[in-house]
Amino acid sequence: MLGSANADLVVAVERRPAGGETVLGGDTVVMPGGKGANTAVAAGRLGCDVALVGAVGADQYGSLLRESLVSAGVRVESVRTSDRPTGIAYITVTPDGENSIVVAPGANSDVSASDVDALSWDGVSVLVCSLEVPLSTVEHAVAVAAGHGVRCVLNLSPVTAVSPEALALLDPLIVNEHEALALADSFEGLLALGPRSAVVTLGGRGAAVVTPEGVVEVPAPAVDVVDTTGAGDAFAGALAFGLSRGDSLVQAARFATRVAATSVTRAGAQPSYPRADEVLA
């Protein structure tokens, strides 16, 4: 996994404030998060052999993240300590479980091509990249990994312009429904951007797997939603785990929807991710 590691500062609110408005919320809860760390922890909890390439600060939040990663079985030898502070995500959660997030990248901005070049690719079958780290680093990682025969996956959130060369190496590109519509007129249109396949997450409806053969929709189990924070990252980590053990893309997506559905029944991002025996049937 290559991507961000953030401390999530979460506050429950009855509703989000309008411009210029102050809304009182509950007590702030600090949890480990960040798209890269979340994805790695989700895969690690399921039993995947996984490492994270990223950066944190020499502060209490960096220690929190390292401890969470290690406790989930994620290898952290490629998580560098930066002179910048650990990234922070400021998250509000409304009673329906929906969230809004502002990210201060901090140390994540220091993840560089040199971190990628220092890696050994022996035994690596899947690379999952997420943003909140420099795009140039992600594109370099995809090129290097593909050159070693590694399957490359990109969770394109937030949406940004990725080079055609990098897009052509993705199998799959992961986006949510809103991101998909920002990129193309239809799910099938995502492949015109260049990736070999795409997966569109559909929230409580599951996911759509897009290949040159067509679109296959994968339903998710119905659950009582507590908090959707990090659900997309849980999906990405579970998808990577499925692909690494030889599942087809559709099989991996079916498993990932169940993992993500399990995660939204619990509060937080990393603390909500299930172990293999806890995944909803």
C-alpha atoms as a PDB file:
ATOM      1  CA  MET A   1       0.000   0.000   0.000  1.00  0.00           C
ATOM      2  CA  LEU A   2       1.179   3.518  -0.760  1.00  0.00           C
ATOM      3  CA  GLY A   3      -0.719   6.484   0.591  1.00  0.00           C
ATOM      4  CA  SER A   4      -1.554   8.776   3.463  1.00  0.00           C
ATOM      5  CA  ALA A   5      -1.537   8.236   7.204  1.00  0.00           C
ATOM      6  CA  ASN A   6      -3.626  10.736   9.175  1.00  0.00           C
ATOM      7  CA  ALA A   7      -4.963  11.246  12.647  1.00  0.00           C
ATOM      8  CA  ASP A   8      -8.754  11.514  12.402  1.00  0.00           C
ATOM      9  CA  LEU A   9     -10.238  14.176  14.684  1.00  0.00           C
ATOM     10  CA  VAL A  10     -13.915  13.239  14.716  1.00  0.00           C
ATOM     11  CA  VAL A  11     -16.824  15.237  16.115  1.00  0.00           C
ATOM     12  CA  ALA A  12     -20.503  14.275  16.028  1.00  0.00           C
ATOM     13  CA  VAL A  13     -22.879  17.074  14.961  1.00  0.00           C
ATOM     14  CA  GLU A  14     -26.637  17.268  14.535  1.00  0.00           C
ATOM     15  CA  ARG A  15     -26.084  19.030  11.206  1.00  0.00           C
ATOM     16  CA  ARG A  16     -23.226  20.592   9.296  1.00  0.00           C
ATOM     17  CA  PRO A  17     -22.814  24.372   9.701  1.00  0.00           C
ATOM     18  CA  ALA A  18     -23.677  26.718   6.866  1.00  0.00           C
ATOM     19  CA  GLY A  19     -21.233  29.433   5.828  1.00  0.00           C
ATOM     20  CA  GLY A  20     -20.479  31.758   8.733  1.00  0.00           C
ATOM     21  CA  GLU A  21     -22.422  29.574  11.173  1.00  0.00           C
ATOM     22  CA  THR A  22     -21.232  27.856  14.357  1.00  0.00           C
ATOM     23  CA  VAL A  23     -22.735  24.501  15.368  1.00  0.00           C
ATOM     24  CA  LEU A  24     -22.012  22.797  18.674  1.00  0.00           C
ATOM     25  CA  GLY A  25     -20.869  19.187  18.485  1.00  0.00           C
ATOM     26  CA  GLY A  26     -19.943  16.340  20.783  1.00  0.00           C
ATOM     27  CA  ASP A  27     -16.545  15.588  22.278  1.00  0.00           C
ATOM     28  CA  THR A  28     -13.657  15.237  19.844  1.00  0.00           C
ATOM     29  CA  VAL A  29     -12.512  11.645  19.343  1.00  0.00           C
ATOM     30  CA  VAL A  30      -9.015  10.992  17.981  1.00  0.00           C
ATOM     31  CA  MET A  31      -8.627   7.888  15.817  1.00  0.00           C
ATOM     32  CA  PRO A  32      -5.971   6.561  13.409  1.00  0.00           C
ATOM     33  CA  GLY A  33      -6.888   7.132   9.754  1.00  0.00           C
ATOM     34  CA  GLY A  34      -5.681   8.281   6.328  1.00  0.00           C
ATOM     35  CA  LYS A  35      -6.530   6.520   3.073  1.00  0.00           C
ATOM     36  CA  GLY A  36      -3.240   4.650   2.787  1.00  0.00           C
ATOM     37  CA  ALA A  37      -3.108   3.561   6.417  1.00  0.00           C
ATOM     38  CA  ASN A  38      -6.807   2.689   6.408  1.00  0.00           C
ATOM     39  CA  THR A  39      -6.445   0.513   3.327  1.00  0.00           C
ATOM     40  CA  ALA A  40      -3.412  -1.248   4.786  1.00  0.00           C
ATOM     41  CA  VAL A  41      -5.126  -1.870   8.130  1.00  0.00           C
ATOM     42  CA  ALA A  42      -8.262  -3.193   6.415  1.00  0.00           C
ATOM     43  CA  ALA A  43      -6.160  -5.702   4.467  1.00  0.00           C
ATOM     44  CA  GLY A  44      -3.998  -6.557   7.460  1.00  0.00           C
ATOM     45  CA  ARG A  45      -6.965  -7.284   9.700  1.00  0.00           C
ATOM     46  CA  LEU A  46      -8.217  -9.767   7.110  1.00  0.00           C
ATOM     47  CA  GLY A  47      -4.905 -11.631   7.235  1.00  0.00           C
ATOM     48  CA  CYS A  48      -3.163 -10.127   4.216  1.00  0.00           C
ATOM     49  CA  ASP A  49       0.641  -9.803   4.225  1.00  0.00           C
ATOM     50  CA  VAL A  50       0.812  -6.034   3.778  1.00  0.00           C
ATOM     51  CA  ALA A  51       3.195  -3.107   4.193  1.00  0.00           C
ATOM     52  CA  LEU A  52       2.578   0.644   4.041  1.00  0.00           C
ATOM     53  CA  VAL A  53       4.757   3.174   2.234  1.00  0.00           C
ATOM     54  CA  GLY A  54       4.094   6.590   3.762  1.00  0.00           C
ATOM     55  CA  ALA A  55       5.231   9.237   6.244  1.00  0.00           C
ATOM     56  CA  VAL A  56       4.195  10.531   9.658  1.00  0.00           C
ATOM     57  CA  GLY A  57       5.525  13.210  11.975  1.00  0.00           C
ATOM     58  CA  ALA A  58       7.604  12.780  15.133  1.00  0.00           C
ATOM     59  CA  ASP A  59       4.570  13.523  17.292  1.00  0.00           C
ATOM     60  CA  GLN A  60       1.845  11.774  19.292  1.00  0.00           C
ATOM     61  CA  TYR A  61      -0.298  11.272  16.196  1.00  0.00           C
ATOM     62  CA  GLY A  62       2.556   9.554  14.393  1.00  0.00           C
ATOM     63  CA  SER A  63       2.943   7.178  17.327  1.00  0.00           C
ATOM     64  CA  LEU A  64      -0.798   6.500  17.317  1.00  0.00           C
ATOM     65  CA  LEU A  65      -0.685   5.562  13.642  1.00  0.00           C
ATOM     66  CA  ARG A  66       2.347   3.316  13.940  1.00  0.00           C
ATOM     67  CA  GLU A  67       0.741   1.464  16.850  1.00  0.00           C
ATOM     68  CA  SER A  68      -2.507   0.964  14.941  1.00  0.00           C
ATOM     69  CA  LEU A  69      -0.696  -0.315  11.851  1.00  0.00           C
ATOM     70  CA  VAL A  70       1.466  -2.744  13.791  1.00  0.00           C
ATOM     71  CA  SER A  71      -1.497  -4.045  15.804  1.00  0.00           C
ATOM     72  CA  ALA A  72      -3.258  -4.886  12.518  1.00  0.00           C
ATOM     73  CA  GLY A  73      -0.226  -6.798  11.238  1.00  0.00           C
ATOM     74  CA  VAL A  74       0.935  -4.099   8.813  1.00  0.00           C
ATOM     75  CA  ARG A  75       4.683  -3.809   8.275  1.00  0.00           C
ATOM     76  CA  VAL A  76       5.905  -0.231   8.864  1.00  0.00           C
ATOM     77  CA  GLU A  77       9.559  -0.300   7.852  1.00  0.00           C
ATOM     78  CA  SER A  78       8.673   1.943   4.885  1.00  0.00           C
ATOM     79  CA  VAL A  79       6.751   4.484   6.971  1.00  0.00           C
ATOM     80  CA  ARG A  80       9.207   7.363   7.252  1.00  0.00           C
ATOM     81  CA  THR A  81       9.342   9.948  10.048  1.00  0.00           C
ATOM     82  CA  SER A  82       9.123  13.439   8.540  1.00  0.00           C
ATOM     83  CA  ASP A  83      10.071  16.845   9.934  1.00  0.00           C
ATOM     84  CA  ARG A  84       6.511  17.922   9.163  1.00  0.00           C
ATOM     85  CA  PRO A  85       3.588  17.141  11.503  1.00  0.00           C
ATOM     86  CA  THR A  86       1.484  14.052  10.983  1.00  0.00           C
ATOM     87  CA  GLY A  87      -1.425  14.619   8.614  1.00  0.00           C
ATOM     88  CA  ILE A  88      -4.769  15.366  10.234  1.00  0.00           C
ATOM     89  CA  ALA A  89      -8.319  14.828   8.972  1.00  0.00           C
ATOM     90  CA  TYR A  90     -11.020  16.973  10.547  1.00  0.00           C
ATOM     91  CA  ILE A  91     -14.251  14.956  10.326  1.00  0.00           C
ATOM     92  CA  THR A  92     -17.841  15.793  11.193  1.00  0.00           C
ATOM     93  CA  VAL A  93     -20.371  12.966  11.425  1.00  0.00           C
ATOM     94  CA  THR A  94     -24.146  13.550  11.319  1.00  0.00           C
ATOM     95  CA  PRO A  95     -26.768  11.241  12.925  1.00  0.00           C
ATOM     96  CA  ASP A  96     -27.349   9.405   9.627  1.00  0.00           C
ATOM     97  CA  GLY A  97     -23.710   8.291   9.674  1.00  0.00           C
ATOM     98  CA  GLU A  98     -22.624  10.534   6.786  1.00  0.00           C
ATOM     99  CA  ASN A  99     -19.404  12.495   7.109  1.00  0.00           C
ATOM    100  CA  SER A 100     -17.625  15.527   5.706  1.00  0.00           C
ATOM    101  CA  ILE A 101     -13.842  15.794   5.864  1.00  0.00           C
ATOM    102  CA  VAL A 102     -11.083  18.401   5.603  1.00  0.00           C
ATOM    103  CA  VAL A 103      -7.530  17.020   5.347  1.00  0.00           C
ATOM    104  CA  ALA A 104      -4.305  18.796   6.311  1.00  0.00           C
ATOM    105  CA  PRO A 105      -1.702  16.566   4.594  1.00  0.00           C
ATOM    106  CA  GLY A 106       1.363  17.443   6.694  1.00  0.00           C
ATOM    107  CA  ALA A 107       3.962  14.658   6.483  1.00  0.00           C
ATOM    108  CA  ASN A 108       2.040  12.963   3.689  1.00  0.00           C
ATOM    109  CA  SER A 109       3.313  15.656   1.344  1.00  0.00           C
ATOM    110  CA  ASP A 110       6.837  14.336   1.915  1.00  0.00           C
ATOM    111  CA  VAL A 111       6.188  10.870   0.452  1.00  0.00           C
ATOM    112  CA  SER A 112       8.466  10.873  -2.589  1.00  0.00           C
ATOM    113  CA  ALA A 113       9.813   8.876  -5.505  1.00  0.00           C
ATOM    114  CA  SER A 114      12.895   8.060  -3.436  1.00  0.00           C
ATOM    115  CA  ASP A 115      10.660   6.174  -0.974  1.00  0.00           C
ATOM    116  CA  VAL A 116       9.428   4.069  -3.894  1.00  0.00           C
ATOM    117  CA  ASP A 117      12.916   3.516  -5.261  1.00  0.00           C
ATOM    118  CA  ALA A 118      14.045   2.148  -1.889  1.00  0.00           C
ATOM    119  CA  LEU A 119      11.495  -0.682  -1.990  1.00  0.00           C
ATOM    120  CA  SER A 120      12.086  -4.351  -2.691  1.00  0.00           C
ATOM    121  CA  TRP A 121       9.381  -5.849  -4.911  1.00  0.00           C
ATOM    122  CA  ASP A 122      10.145  -9.499  -4.157  1.00  0.00           C
ATOM    123  CA  GLY A 123       6.922 -11.347  -3.419  1.00  0.00           C
ATOM    124  CA  VAL A 124       4.672  -8.334  -4.080  1.00  0.00           C
ATOM    125  CA  SER A 125       1.569  -9.193  -6.129  1.00  0.00           C
ATOM    126  CA  VAL A 126      -0.662  -6.116  -5.715  1.00  0.00           C
ATOM    127  CA  LEU A 127       0.079  -2.422  -5.172  1.00  0.00           C
ATOM    128  CA  VAL A 128      -2.766  -0.207  -3.993  1.00  0.00           C
ATOM    129  CA  CYS A 129      -2.179   3.533  -4.165  1.00  0.00           C
ATOM    130  CA  SER A 130      -4.382   6.250  -2.737  1.00  0.00           C
ATOM    131  CA  LEU A 131      -4.069  10.000  -2.979  1.00  0.00           C
ATOM    132  CA  GLU A 132      -3.516  12.582  -0.194  1.00  0.00           C
ATOM    133  CA  VAL A 133       0.160  12.050  -1.118  1.00  0.00           C
ATOM    134  CA  PRO A 134       1.869  13.715  -4.118  1.00  0.00           C
ATOM    135  CA  LEU A 135       0.431  12.553  -7.447  1.00  0.00           C
ATOM    136  CA  SER A 136       3.909  12.400  -8.968  1.00  0.00           C
ATOM    137  CA  THR A 137       4.887   9.832  -6.326  1.00  0.00           C
ATOM    138  CA  VAL A 138       1.802   7.735  -7.044  1.00  0.00           C
ATOM    139  CA  GLU A 139       2.432   7.776 -10.799  1.00  0.00           C
ATOM    140  CA  HIS A 140       6.086   6.810 -10.250  1.00  0.00           C
ATOM    141  CA  ALA A 141       5.056   3.951  -7.949  1.00  0.00           C
ATOM    142  CA  VAL A 142       2.575   2.601 -10.486  1.00  0.00           C
ATOM    143  CA  ALA A 143       5.199   2.656 -13.245  1.00  0.00           C
ATOM    144  CA  VAL A 144       7.840   0.942 -11.105  1.00  0.00           C
ATOM    145  CA  ALA A 145       5.436  -1.674  -9.751  1.00  0.00           C
ATOM    146  CA  ALA A 146       4.081  -2.527 -13.188  1.00  0.00           C
ATOM    147  CA  GLY A 147       7.646  -2.946 -14.379  1.00  0.00           C
ATOM    148  CA  HIS A 148       8.040  -5.658 -11.727  1.00  0.00           C
ATOM    149  CA  GLY A 149       4.867  -7.446 -12.835  1.00  0.00           C
ATOM    150  CA  VAL A 150       2.803  -6.151  -9.909  1.00  0.00           C
ATOM    151  CA  ARG A 151      -0.946  -5.567 -10.355  1.00  0.00           C
ATOM    152  CA  CYS A 152      -1.642  -1.852  -9.808  1.00  0.00           C
ATOM    153  CA  VAL A 153      -4.785  -0.472  -8.178  1.00  0.00           C
ATOM    154  CA  LEU A 154      -5.549   3.219  -7.627  1.00  0.00           C
ATOM    155  CA  ASN A 155      -8.250   4.611  -5.356  1.00  0.00           C
ATOM    156  CA  LEU A 156      -8.753   7.945  -7.136  1.00  0.00           C
ATOM    157  CA  SER A 157     -10.060  10.032  -4.248  1.00  0.00           C
ATOM    158  CA  PRO A 158     -10.029  12.971  -4.334  1.00  0.00           C
ATOM    159  CA  VAL A 159     -10.438  13.069  -8.114  1.00  0.00           C
ATOM    160  CA  THR A 160      -7.477  14.576  -9.911  1.00  0.00           C
ATOM    161  CA  ALA A 161      -5.944  14.379 -13.381  1.00  0.00           C
ATOM    162  CA  VAL A 162      -3.787  11.248 -13.653  1.00  0.00           C
ATOM    163  CA  SER A 163      -1.416  10.766 -16.590  1.00  0.00           C
ATOM    164  CA  PRO A 164      -2.596   8.498 -19.413  1.00  0.00           C
ATOM    165  CA  GLU A 165       0.531   6.386 -18.911  1.00  0.00           C
ATOM    166  CA  ALA A 166      -0.388   5.663 -15.277  1.00  0.00           C
ATOM    167  CA  LEU A 167      -4.074   5.094 -16.034  1.00  0.00           C
ATOM    168  CA  ALA A 168      -3.178   2.489 -18.653  1.00  0.00           C
ATOM    169  CA  LEU A 169      -1.446   0.393 -15.973  1.00  0.00           C
ATOM    170  CA  LEU A 170      -4.375   0.263 -13.548  1.00  0.00           C
ATOM    171  CA  ASP A 171      -6.353  -2.941 -13.028  1.00  0.00           C
ATOM    172  CA  PRO A 172      -8.618  -1.647 -11.542  1.00  0.00           C
ATOM    173  CA  LEU A 173      -9.228   2.063 -11.033  1.00  0.00           C
ATOM    174  CA  ILE A 174     -11.455   2.513  -7.947  1.00  0.00           C
ATOM    175  CA  VAL A 175     -13.835   5.474  -7.645  1.00  0.00           C
ATOM    176  CA  ASN A 176     -17.115   6.110  -5.888  1.00  0.00           C
ATOM    177  CA  GLU A 177     -20.303   6.901  -7.775  1.00  0.00           C
ATOM    178  CA  HIS A 178     -19.888  10.671  -7.532  1.00  0.00           C
ATOM    179  CA  GLU A 179     -16.272  10.521  -8.652  1.00  0.00           C
ATOM    180  CA  ALA A 180     -17.219   8.251 -11.558  1.00  0.00           C
ATOM    181  CA  LEU A 181     -19.774  10.762 -12.828  1.00  0.00           C
ATOM    182  CA  ALA A 182     -17.185  13.538 -12.562  1.00  0.00           C
ATOM    183  CA  LEU A 183     -14.869  11.526 -14.799  1.00  0.00           C
ATOM    184  CA  ALA A 184     -17.203  10.001 -17.401  1.00  0.00           C
ATOM    185  CA  ASP A 185     -20.790  10.000 -18.666  1.00  0.00           C
ATOM    186  CA  SER A 186     -21.265   6.350 -17.740  1.00  0.00           C
ATOM    187  CA  PHE A 187     -19.508   3.597 -15.811  1.00  0.00           C
ATOM    188  CA  GLU A 188     -18.446   2.036 -19.119  1.00  0.00           C
ATOM    189  CA  GLY A 189     -16.957   5.383 -20.074  1.00  0.00           C
ATOM    190  CA  LEU A 190     -14.371   5.035 -17.314  1.00  0.00           C
ATOM    191  CA  LEU A 191     -12.470   2.527 -19.440  1.00  0.00           C
ATOM    192  CA  ALA A 192     -12.118   5.168 -22.167  1.00  0.00           C
ATOM    193  CA  LEU A 193      -9.822   7.003 -19.748  1.00  0.00           C
ATOM    194  CA  GLY A 194      -7.356   4.133 -20.068  1.00  0.00           C
ATOM    195  CA  PRO A 195      -7.574   1.696 -17.133  1.00  0.00           C
ATOM    196  CA  ARG A 196      -7.890  -2.020 -17.865  1.00  0.00           C
ATOM    197  CA  SER A 197     -10.832  -2.233 -15.462  1.00  0.00           C
ATOM    198  CA  ALA A 198     -12.703  -0.091 -12.959  1.00  0.00           C
ATOM    199  CA  VAL A 199     -14.704  -0.596  -9.785  1.00  0.00           C
ATOM    200  CA  VAL A 200     -17.330   1.947  -8.770  1.00  0.00           C
ATOM    201  CA  THR A 201     -18.423   1.856  -5.143  1.00  0.00           C
ATOM    202  CA  LEU A 202     -22.139   2.577  -4.696  1.00  0.00           C
ATOM    203  CA  GLY A 203     -22.473   3.019  -0.936  1.00  0.00           C
ATOM    204  CA  GLY A 204     -25.220   0.872   0.514  1.00  0.00           C
ATOM    205  CA  ARG A 205     -26.039  -0.522  -2.945  1.00  0.00           C
ATOM    206  CA  GLY A 206     -22.667  -2.283  -3.266  1.00  0.00           C
ATOM    207  CA  ALA A 207     -20.358  -1.834  -6.230  1.00  0.00           C
ATOM    208  CA  ALA A 208     -20.157  -2.044 -10.013  1.00  0.00           C
ATOM    209  CA  VAL A 209     -17.300  -3.904 -11.685  1.00  0.00           C
ATOM    210  CA  VAL A 210     -16.477  -2.501 -15.113  1.00  0.00           C
ATOM    211  CA  THR A 211     -14.453  -4.521 -17.632  1.00  0.00           C
ATOM    212  CA  PRO A 212     -14.318  -4.626 -21.439  1.00  0.00           C
ATOM    213  CA  GLU A 213     -16.922  -7.422 -21.188  1.00  0.00           C
ATOM    214  CA  GLY A 214     -19.452  -5.127 -19.484  1.00  0.00           C
ATOM    215  CA  VAL A 215     -20.692  -4.020 -16.057  1.00  0.00           C
ATOM    216  CA  VAL A 216     -21.465  -6.428 -13.214  1.00  0.00           C
ATOM    217  CA  GLU A 217     -23.244  -4.983 -10.179  1.00  0.00           C
ATOM    218  CA  VAL A 218     -22.401  -6.534  -6.836  1.00  0.00           C
ATOM    219  CA  PRO A 219     -24.992  -5.924  -4.075  1.00  0.00           C
ATOM    220  CA  ALA A 220     -24.075  -5.189  -0.472  1.00  0.00           C
ATOM    221  CA  PRO A 221     -25.840  -6.671   2.562  1.00  0.00           C
ATOM    222  CA  ALA A 222     -28.358  -4.356   4.227  1.00  0.00           C
ATOM    223  CA  VAL A 223     -27.066  -2.985   7.552  1.00  0.00           C
ATOM    224  CA  ASP A 224     -27.855  -0.351  10.152  1.00  0.00           C
ATOM    225  CA  VAL A 225     -25.347   2.411   9.437  1.00  0.00           C
ATOM    226  CA  VAL A 226     -23.436   3.928  12.351  1.00  0.00           C
ATOM    227  CA  ASP A 227     -20.550   5.721  10.595  1.00  0.00           C
ATOM    228  CA  THR A 228     -19.435   5.628   6.949  1.00  0.00           C
ATOM    229  CA  THR A 229     -15.964   7.090   7.663  1.00  0.00           C
ATOM    230  CA  GLY A 230     -13.320   4.972   5.941  1.00  0.00           C
ATOM    231  CA  ALA A 231     -15.773   2.569   4.305  1.00  0.00           C
ATOM    232  CA  GLY A 232     -14.275   3.148   0.863  1.00  0.00           C
ATOM    233  CA  ASP A 233     -10.819   2.382   2.235  1.00  0.00           C
ATOM    234  CA  ALA A 234     -12.118  -0.811   3.839  1.00  0.00           C
ATOM    235  CA  PHE A 235     -13.438  -1.770   0.407  1.00  0.00           C
ATOM    236  CA  ALA A 236     -10.092  -1.044  -1.264  1.00  0.00           C
ATOM    237  CA  GLY A 237      -8.127  -3.030   1.296  1.00  0.00           C
ATOM    238  CA  ALA A 238     -10.461  -6.009   1.061  1.00  0.00           C
ATOM    239  CA  LEU A 239     -10.421  -5.857  -2.740  1.00  0.00           C
ATOM    240  CA  ALA A 240      -6.615  -5.927  -2.714  1.00  0.00           C
ATOM    241  CA  PHE A 241      -6.643  -8.893  -0.369  1.00  0.00           C
ATOM    242  CA  GLY A 242      -9.015 -10.768  -2.646  1.00  0.00           C
ATOM    243  CA  LEU A 243      -6.905 -10.042  -5.721  1.00  0.00           C
ATOM    244  CA  SER A 244      -3.708 -11.053  -3.903  1.00  0.00           C
ATOM    245  CA  ARG A 245      -5.138 -14.495  -3.130  1.00  0.00           C
ATOM    246  CA  GLY A 246      -6.184 -15.060  -6.743  1.00  0.00           C
ATOM    247  CA  ASP A 247      -9.846 -14.052  -6.743  1.00  0.00           C
ATOM    248  CA  SER A 248     -11.352 -12.665  -9.931  1.00  0.00           C
ATOM    249  CA  LEU A 249     -12.191  -8.969  -9.858  1.00  0.00           C
ATOM    250  CA  VAL A 250     -15.898  -9.720  -9.393  1.00  0.00           C
ATOM    251  CA  GLN A 251     -15.182 -12.210  -6.608  1.00  0.00           C
ATOM    252  CA  ALA A 252     -12.893  -9.718  -4.891  1.00  0.00           C
ATOM    253  CA  ALA A 253     -15.538  -6.988  -5.195  1.00  0.00           C
ATOM    254  CA  ARG A 254     -18.212  -9.250  -3.683  1.00  0.00           C
ATOM    255  CA  PHE A 255     -15.987  -9.869  -0.679  1.00  0.00           C
ATOM    256  CA  ALA A 256     -15.028  -6.183  -0.420  1.00  0.00           C
ATOM    257  CA  THR A 257     -18.668  -5.049  -0.301  1.00  0.00           C
ATOM    258  CA  ARG A 258     -19.265  -7.339   2.668  1.00  0.00           C
ATOM    259  CA  VAL A 259     -16.190  -6.008   4.458  1.00  0.00           C
ATOM    260  CA  ALA A 260     -17.210  -2.387   3.829  1.00  0.00           C
ATOM    261  CA  ALA A 261     -20.781  -3.116   4.965  1.00  0.00           C
ATOM    262  CA  THR A 262     -19.421  -4.596   8.177  1.00  0.00           C
ATOM    263  CA  SER A 263     -17.254  -1.528   8.779  1.00  0.00           C
ATOM    264  CA  VAL A 264     -20.131   0.976   8.629  1.00  0.00           C
ATOM    265  CA  THR A 265     -21.899  -0.761  11.527  1.00  0.00           C
ATOM    266  CA  ARG A 266     -19.108   0.495  13.800  1.00  0.00           C
ATOM    267  CA  ALA A 267     -17.703   3.932  14.627  1.00  0.00           C
ATOM    268  CA  GLY A 268     -14.504   5.300  13.114  1.00  0.00           C
ATOM    269  CA  ALA A 269     -12.306   4.174  10.267  1.00  0.00           C
ATOM    270  CA  GLN A 270      -9.527   1.770  11.308  1.00  0.00           C
ATOM    271  CA  PRO A 271     -11.254   0.735  14.573  1.00  0.00           C
ATOM    272  CA  SER A 272     -14.282  -0.372  12.542  1.00  0.00           C
ATOM    273  CA  TYR A 273     -12.467  -2.768  10.211  1.00  0.00           C
ATOM    274  CA  PRO A 274     -13.340  -6.432  10.734  1.00  0.00           C
ATOM    275  CA  ARG A 275     -11.177  -9.486  11.001  1.00  0.00           C
ATOM    276  CA  ALA A 276     -11.944 -12.306   8.585  1.00  0.00           C
ATOM    277  CA  ASP A 277     -14.244 -14.141  11.010  1.00  0.00           C
ATOM    278  CA  GLU A 278     -16.255 -10.950  11.654  1.00  0.00           C
ATOM    279  CA  VAL A 279     -17.190 -10.179   8.033  1.00  0.00           C
ATOM    280  CA  LEU A 280     -20.923 -10.220   7.344  1.00  0.00           C
ATOM    281  CA  ALA A 281     -22.161 -13.113   5.233  1.00  0.00           C
END
